[in-house]
Amino acid sequence: MGIFSARPSGPVKAPATGYSLFDSQLTVSGDIDTDGSLRIDGVLLGSIRRADTVVLGVGASMRGDVNAREVIVGGTLAGNVHASERVELQPTAIVTGDITTQVVLVQEGGVVNGQVQMQSTRAGMPAVSAELAIPPGHR
């Protein structure tokens, strides 16, 4: 009978999956905070103030800033990106805004209209900054 008396007192919290998905049929207006990962396949009109990993899928769009550990863009983003570790722009990505991160990967076809500032991963090393524009024929 001891197993029945071992119930925790108070409400039991459901385990977090750590992953949220905004379907391609979904449009959301407002800012988002999460400790987990977030994938957007629809439209977000607002900023992601905190997240672990953010994936903006191919065909998705977002108007707002992104603050996360890692950001992967396959769609269209109008806003600044601050990733504490890494940003990846896939071939279909268009970012209109500044990017600040430690590591950036721009696959062929990916576009940045703004500045890219790379923070050093080593103490004492200066940050590197570059300005990128849309390549001819991509406007």
C-alpha atoms as a PDB file:
ATOM      1  CA  MET A   1       0.000   0.000   0.000  1.00  0.00           C
ATOM      2  CA  GLY A   2       3.036   2.270   0.226  1.00  0.00           C
ATOM      3  CA  ILE A   3       2.945   3.144  -3.468  1.00  0.00           C
ATOM      4  CA  PHE A   4      -0.411   4.884  -3.090  1.00  0.00           C
ATOM      5  CA  SER A   5       0.872   7.180  -0.369  1.00  0.00           C
ATOM      6  CA  ALA A   6       3.907   8.239  -2.431  1.00  0.00           C
ATOM      7  CA  ARG A   7       1.920  10.645  -4.623  1.00  0.00           C
ATOM      8  CA  PRO A   8       3.405  14.101  -4.879  1.00  0.00           C
ATOM      9  CA  SER A   9       1.412  16.861  -3.271  1.00  0.00           C
ATOM     10  CA  GLY A  10       0.114  19.692  -5.471  1.00  0.00           C
ATOM     11  CA  PRO A  11      -0.482  19.784  -9.201  1.00  0.00           C
ATOM     12  CA  VAL A  12       1.699  17.630 -11.409  1.00  0.00           C
ATOM     13  CA  LYS A  13       3.290  19.449 -14.322  1.00  0.00           C
ATOM     14  CA  ALA A  14       3.231  17.715 -17.700  1.00  0.00           C
ATOM     15  CA  PRO A  15       6.709  17.109 -19.103  1.00  0.00           C
ATOM     16  CA  ALA A  16       7.709  19.726 -21.676  1.00  0.00           C
ATOM     17  CA  THR A  17       8.496  18.524 -25.157  1.00  0.00           C
ATOM     18  CA  GLY A  18      10.795  21.487 -25.690  1.00  0.00           C
ATOM     19  CA  TYR A  19       9.570  21.894 -29.285  1.00  0.00           C
ATOM     20  CA  SER A  20       6.834  24.155 -30.644  1.00  0.00           C
ATOM     21  CA  LEU A  21       5.520  24.192 -34.209  1.00  0.00           C
ATOM     22  CA  PHE A  22       3.614  26.945 -36.001  1.00  0.00           C
ATOM     23  CA  ASP A  23       1.888  25.197 -38.911  1.00  0.00           C
ATOM     24  CA  SER A  24       1.926  26.682 -42.422  1.00  0.00           C
ATOM     25  CA  GLN A  25      -1.796  27.534 -42.047  1.00  0.00           C
ATOM     26  CA  LEU A  26      -1.152  29.614 -38.912  1.00  0.00           C
ATOM     27  CA  THR A  27      -0.620  33.381 -38.587  1.00  0.00           C
ATOM     28  CA  VAL A  28       0.436  34.633 -35.155  1.00  0.00           C
ATOM     29  CA  SER A  29       0.643  38.247 -33.980  1.00  0.00           C
ATOM     30  CA  GLY A  30       2.664  38.879 -30.829  1.00  0.00           C
ATOM     31  CA  ASP A  31       6.014  38.265 -29.198  1.00  0.00           C
ATOM     32  CA  ILE A  32       7.208  34.823 -28.128  1.00  0.00           C
ATOM     33  CA  ASP A  33       9.365  33.621 -25.221  1.00  0.00           C
ATOM     34  CA  THR A  34      10.389  29.979 -24.865  1.00  0.00           C
ATOM     35  CA  ASP A  35      13.188  27.931 -23.383  1.00  0.00           C
ATOM     36  CA  GLY A  36      12.719  25.297 -26.069  1.00  0.00           C
ATOM     37  CA  SER A  37      12.989  25.059 -29.815  1.00  0.00           C
ATOM     38  CA  LEU A  38      10.565  26.723 -32.194  1.00  0.00           C
ATOM     39  CA  ARG A  39       9.750  25.937 -35.821  1.00  0.00           C
ATOM     40  CA  ILE A  40       7.699  28.402 -37.845  1.00  0.00           C
ATOM     41  CA  ASP A  41       6.180  27.278 -41.132  1.00  0.00           C
ATOM     42  CA  GLY A  42       3.475  29.963 -41.235  1.00  0.00           C
ATOM     43  CA  VAL A  43       3.551  33.714 -40.514  1.00  0.00           C
ATOM     44  CA  LEU A  44       4.783  35.414 -37.333  1.00  0.00           C
ATOM     45  CA  LEU A  45       4.159  39.140 -36.847  1.00  0.00           C
ATOM     46  CA  GLY A  46       6.183  39.736 -33.711  1.00  0.00           C
ATOM     47  CA  SER A  47       9.554  39.074 -32.158  1.00  0.00           C
ATOM     48  CA  ILE A  48      11.038  35.963 -30.641  1.00  0.00           C
ATOM     49  CA  ARG A  49      12.508  37.408 -27.479  1.00  0.00           C
ATOM     50  CA  ARG A  50      14.074  34.150 -26.262  1.00  0.00           C
ATOM     51  CA  ALA A  51      14.444  30.623 -27.620  1.00  0.00           C
ATOM     52  CA  ASP A  52      16.955  27.824 -27.861  1.00  0.00           C
ATOM     53  CA  THR A  53      16.717  27.038 -31.577  1.00  0.00           C
ATOM     54  CA  VAL A  54      14.517  28.841 -34.096  1.00  0.00           C
ATOM     55  CA  VAL A  55      13.790  27.367 -37.536  1.00  0.00           C
ATOM     56  CA  LEU A  56      11.978  29.566 -40.045  1.00  0.00           C
ATOM     57  CA  GLY A  57      10.920  27.062 -42.671  1.00  0.00           C
ATOM     58  CA  VAL A  58      10.923  27.414 -46.446  1.00  0.00           C
ATOM     59  CA  GLY A  59       7.910  29.527 -47.431  1.00  0.00           C
ATOM     60  CA  ALA A  60       7.470  30.929 -43.914  1.00  0.00           C
ATOM     61  CA  SER A  61       7.669  34.625 -43.141  1.00  0.00           C
ATOM     62  CA  MET A  62       8.355  36.683 -40.072  1.00  0.00           C
ATOM     63  CA  ARG A  63       8.375  40.401 -39.271  1.00  0.00           C
ATOM     64  CA  GLY A  64      10.218  40.958 -35.999  1.00  0.00           C
ATOM     65  CA  ASP A  65      13.531  40.352 -34.254  1.00  0.00           C
ATOM     66  CA  VAL A  66      14.903  36.941 -33.265  1.00  0.00           C
ATOM     67  CA  ASN A  67      16.955  36.274 -30.125  1.00  0.00           C
ATOM     68  CA  ALA A  68      18.054  32.661 -29.752  1.00  0.00           C
ATOM     69  CA  ARG A  69      21.023  30.371 -29.334  1.00  0.00           C
ATOM     70  CA  GLU A  70      20.763  29.100 -32.922  1.00  0.00           C
ATOM     71  CA  VAL A  71      18.705  30.400 -35.862  1.00  0.00           C
ATOM     72  CA  ILE A  72      18.089  28.585 -39.162  1.00  0.00           C
ATOM     73  CA  VAL A  73      16.300  30.576 -41.875  1.00  0.00           C
ATOM     74  CA  GLY A  74      14.725  29.046 -44.956  1.00  0.00           C
ATOM     75  CA  GLY A  75      11.987  31.656 -45.463  1.00  0.00           C
ATOM     76  CA  THR A  76      11.695  35.448 -45.350  1.00  0.00           C
ATOM     77  CA  LEU A  77      12.642  37.428 -42.241  1.00  0.00           C
ATOM     78  CA  ALA A  78      12.273  41.199 -41.844  1.00  0.00           C
ATOM     79  CA  GLY A  79      14.069  41.951 -38.589  1.00  0.00           C
ATOM     80  CA  ASN A  80      17.354  41.646 -36.768  1.00  0.00           C
ATOM     81  CA  VAL A  81      18.819  38.310 -35.691  1.00  0.00           C
ATOM     82  CA  HIS A  82      20.884  37.882 -32.545  1.00  0.00           C
ATOM     83  CA  ALA A  83      22.079  34.303 -32.097  1.00  0.00           C
ATOM     84  CA  SER A  84      24.466  33.572 -29.256  1.00  0.00           C
ATOM     85  CA  GLU A  85      26.061  30.694 -31.189  1.00  0.00           C
ATOM     86  CA  ARG A  86      25.079  30.180 -34.843  1.00  0.00           C
ATOM     87  CA  VAL A  87      22.998  31.402 -37.795  1.00  0.00           C
ATOM     88  CA  GLU A  88      22.358  29.372 -40.940  1.00  0.00           C
ATOM     89  CA  LEU A  89      20.762  30.832 -44.062  1.00  0.00           C
ATOM     90  CA  GLN A  90      19.450  28.193 -46.431  1.00  0.00           C
ATOM     91  CA  PRO A  91      19.340  28.757 -50.232  1.00  0.00           C
ATOM     92  CA  THR A  92      15.759  30.104 -50.024  1.00  0.00           C
ATOM     93  CA  ALA A  93      16.435  32.514 -47.123  1.00  0.00           C
ATOM     94  CA  ILE A  94      15.963  36.272 -47.382  1.00  0.00           C
ATOM     95  CA  VAL A  95      16.878  38.294 -44.283  1.00  0.00           C
ATOM     96  CA  THR A  96      16.289  42.050 -44.280  1.00  0.00           C
ATOM     97  CA  GLY A  97      18.045  43.141 -41.109  1.00  0.00           C
ATOM     98  CA  ASP A  98      21.284  42.807 -39.206  1.00  0.00           C
ATOM     99  CA  ILE A  99      22.742  39.521 -37.978  1.00  0.00           C
ATOM    100  CA  THR A 100      24.897  39.224 -34.860  1.00  0.00           C
ATOM    101  CA  THR A 101      26.342  35.817 -33.992  1.00  0.00           C
ATOM    102  CA  GLN A 102      29.547  33.811 -33.481  1.00  0.00           C
ATOM    103  CA  VAL A 103      29.229  31.576 -36.553  1.00  0.00           C
ATOM    104  CA  VAL A 104      27.302  32.217 -39.762  1.00  0.00           C
ATOM    105  CA  LEU A 105      26.672  29.891 -42.696  1.00  0.00           C
ATOM    106  CA  VAL A 106      25.120  31.355 -45.840  1.00  0.00           C
ATOM    107  CA  GLN A 107      24.315  28.673 -48.373  1.00  0.00           C
ATOM    108  CA  GLU A 108      24.462  29.631 -52.047  1.00  0.00           C
ATOM    109  CA  GLY A 109      21.318  31.616 -52.828  1.00  0.00           C
ATOM    110  CA  GLY A 110      20.777  32.830 -49.257  1.00  0.00           C
ATOM    111  CA  VAL A 111      20.387  36.620 -49.030  1.00  0.00           C
ATOM    112  CA  VAL A 112      21.169  39.159 -46.299  1.00  0.00           C
ATOM    113  CA  ASN A 113      20.166  42.806 -46.683  1.00  0.00           C
ATOM    114  CA  GLY A 114      21.971  44.249 -43.693  1.00  0.00           C
ATOM    115  CA  GLN A 115      25.123  43.918 -41.684  1.00  0.00           C
ATOM    116  CA  VAL A 116      26.614  40.703 -40.379  1.00  0.00           C
ATOM    117  CA  GLN A 117      28.584  41.069 -37.183  1.00  0.00           C
ATOM    118  CA  MET A 118      30.445  38.025 -35.932  1.00  0.00           C
ATOM    119  CA  GLN A 119      31.367  37.981 -32.276  1.00  0.00           C
ATOM    120  CA  SER A 120      34.582  36.271 -31.379  1.00  0.00           C
ATOM    121  CA  THR A 121      34.389  32.935 -29.616  1.00  0.00           C
ATOM    122  CA  ARG A 122      37.780  33.588 -28.014  1.00  0.00           C
ATOM    123  CA  ALA A 123      38.467  36.258 -25.423  1.00  0.00           C
ATOM    124  CA  GLY A 124      40.551  39.137 -26.693  1.00  0.00           C
ATOM    125  CA  MET A 125      39.760  38.561 -30.374  1.00  0.00           C
ATOM    126  CA  PRO A 126      38.079  41.464 -32.191  1.00  0.00           C
ATOM    127  CA  ALA A 127      34.650  41.045 -33.770  1.00  0.00           C
ATOM    128  CA  VAL A 128      34.384  40.968 -37.559  1.00  0.00           C
ATOM    129  CA  SER A 129      31.750  42.982 -39.420  1.00  0.00           C
ATOM    130  CA  ALA A 130      30.675  42.912 -43.042  1.00  0.00           C
ATOM    131  CA  GLU A 131      27.868  44.463 -45.040  1.00  0.00           C
ATOM    132  CA  LEU A 132      26.030  42.192 -47.447  1.00  0.00           C
ATOM    133  CA  ALA A 133      23.524  43.084 -50.122  1.00  0.00           C
ATOM    134  CA  ILE A 134      21.205  41.268 -52.488  1.00  0.00           C
ATOM    135  CA  PRO A 135      23.185  39.806 -55.386  1.00  0.00           C
ATOM    136  CA  PRO A 136      22.259  41.079 -58.882  1.00  0.00           C
ATOM    137  CA  GLY A 137      19.220  39.303 -60.267  1.00  0.00           C
ATOM    138  CA  HIS A 138      17.716  38.507 -56.822  1.00  0.00           C
ATOM    139  CA  ARG A 139      15.684  41.697 -56.356  1.00  0.00           C
END
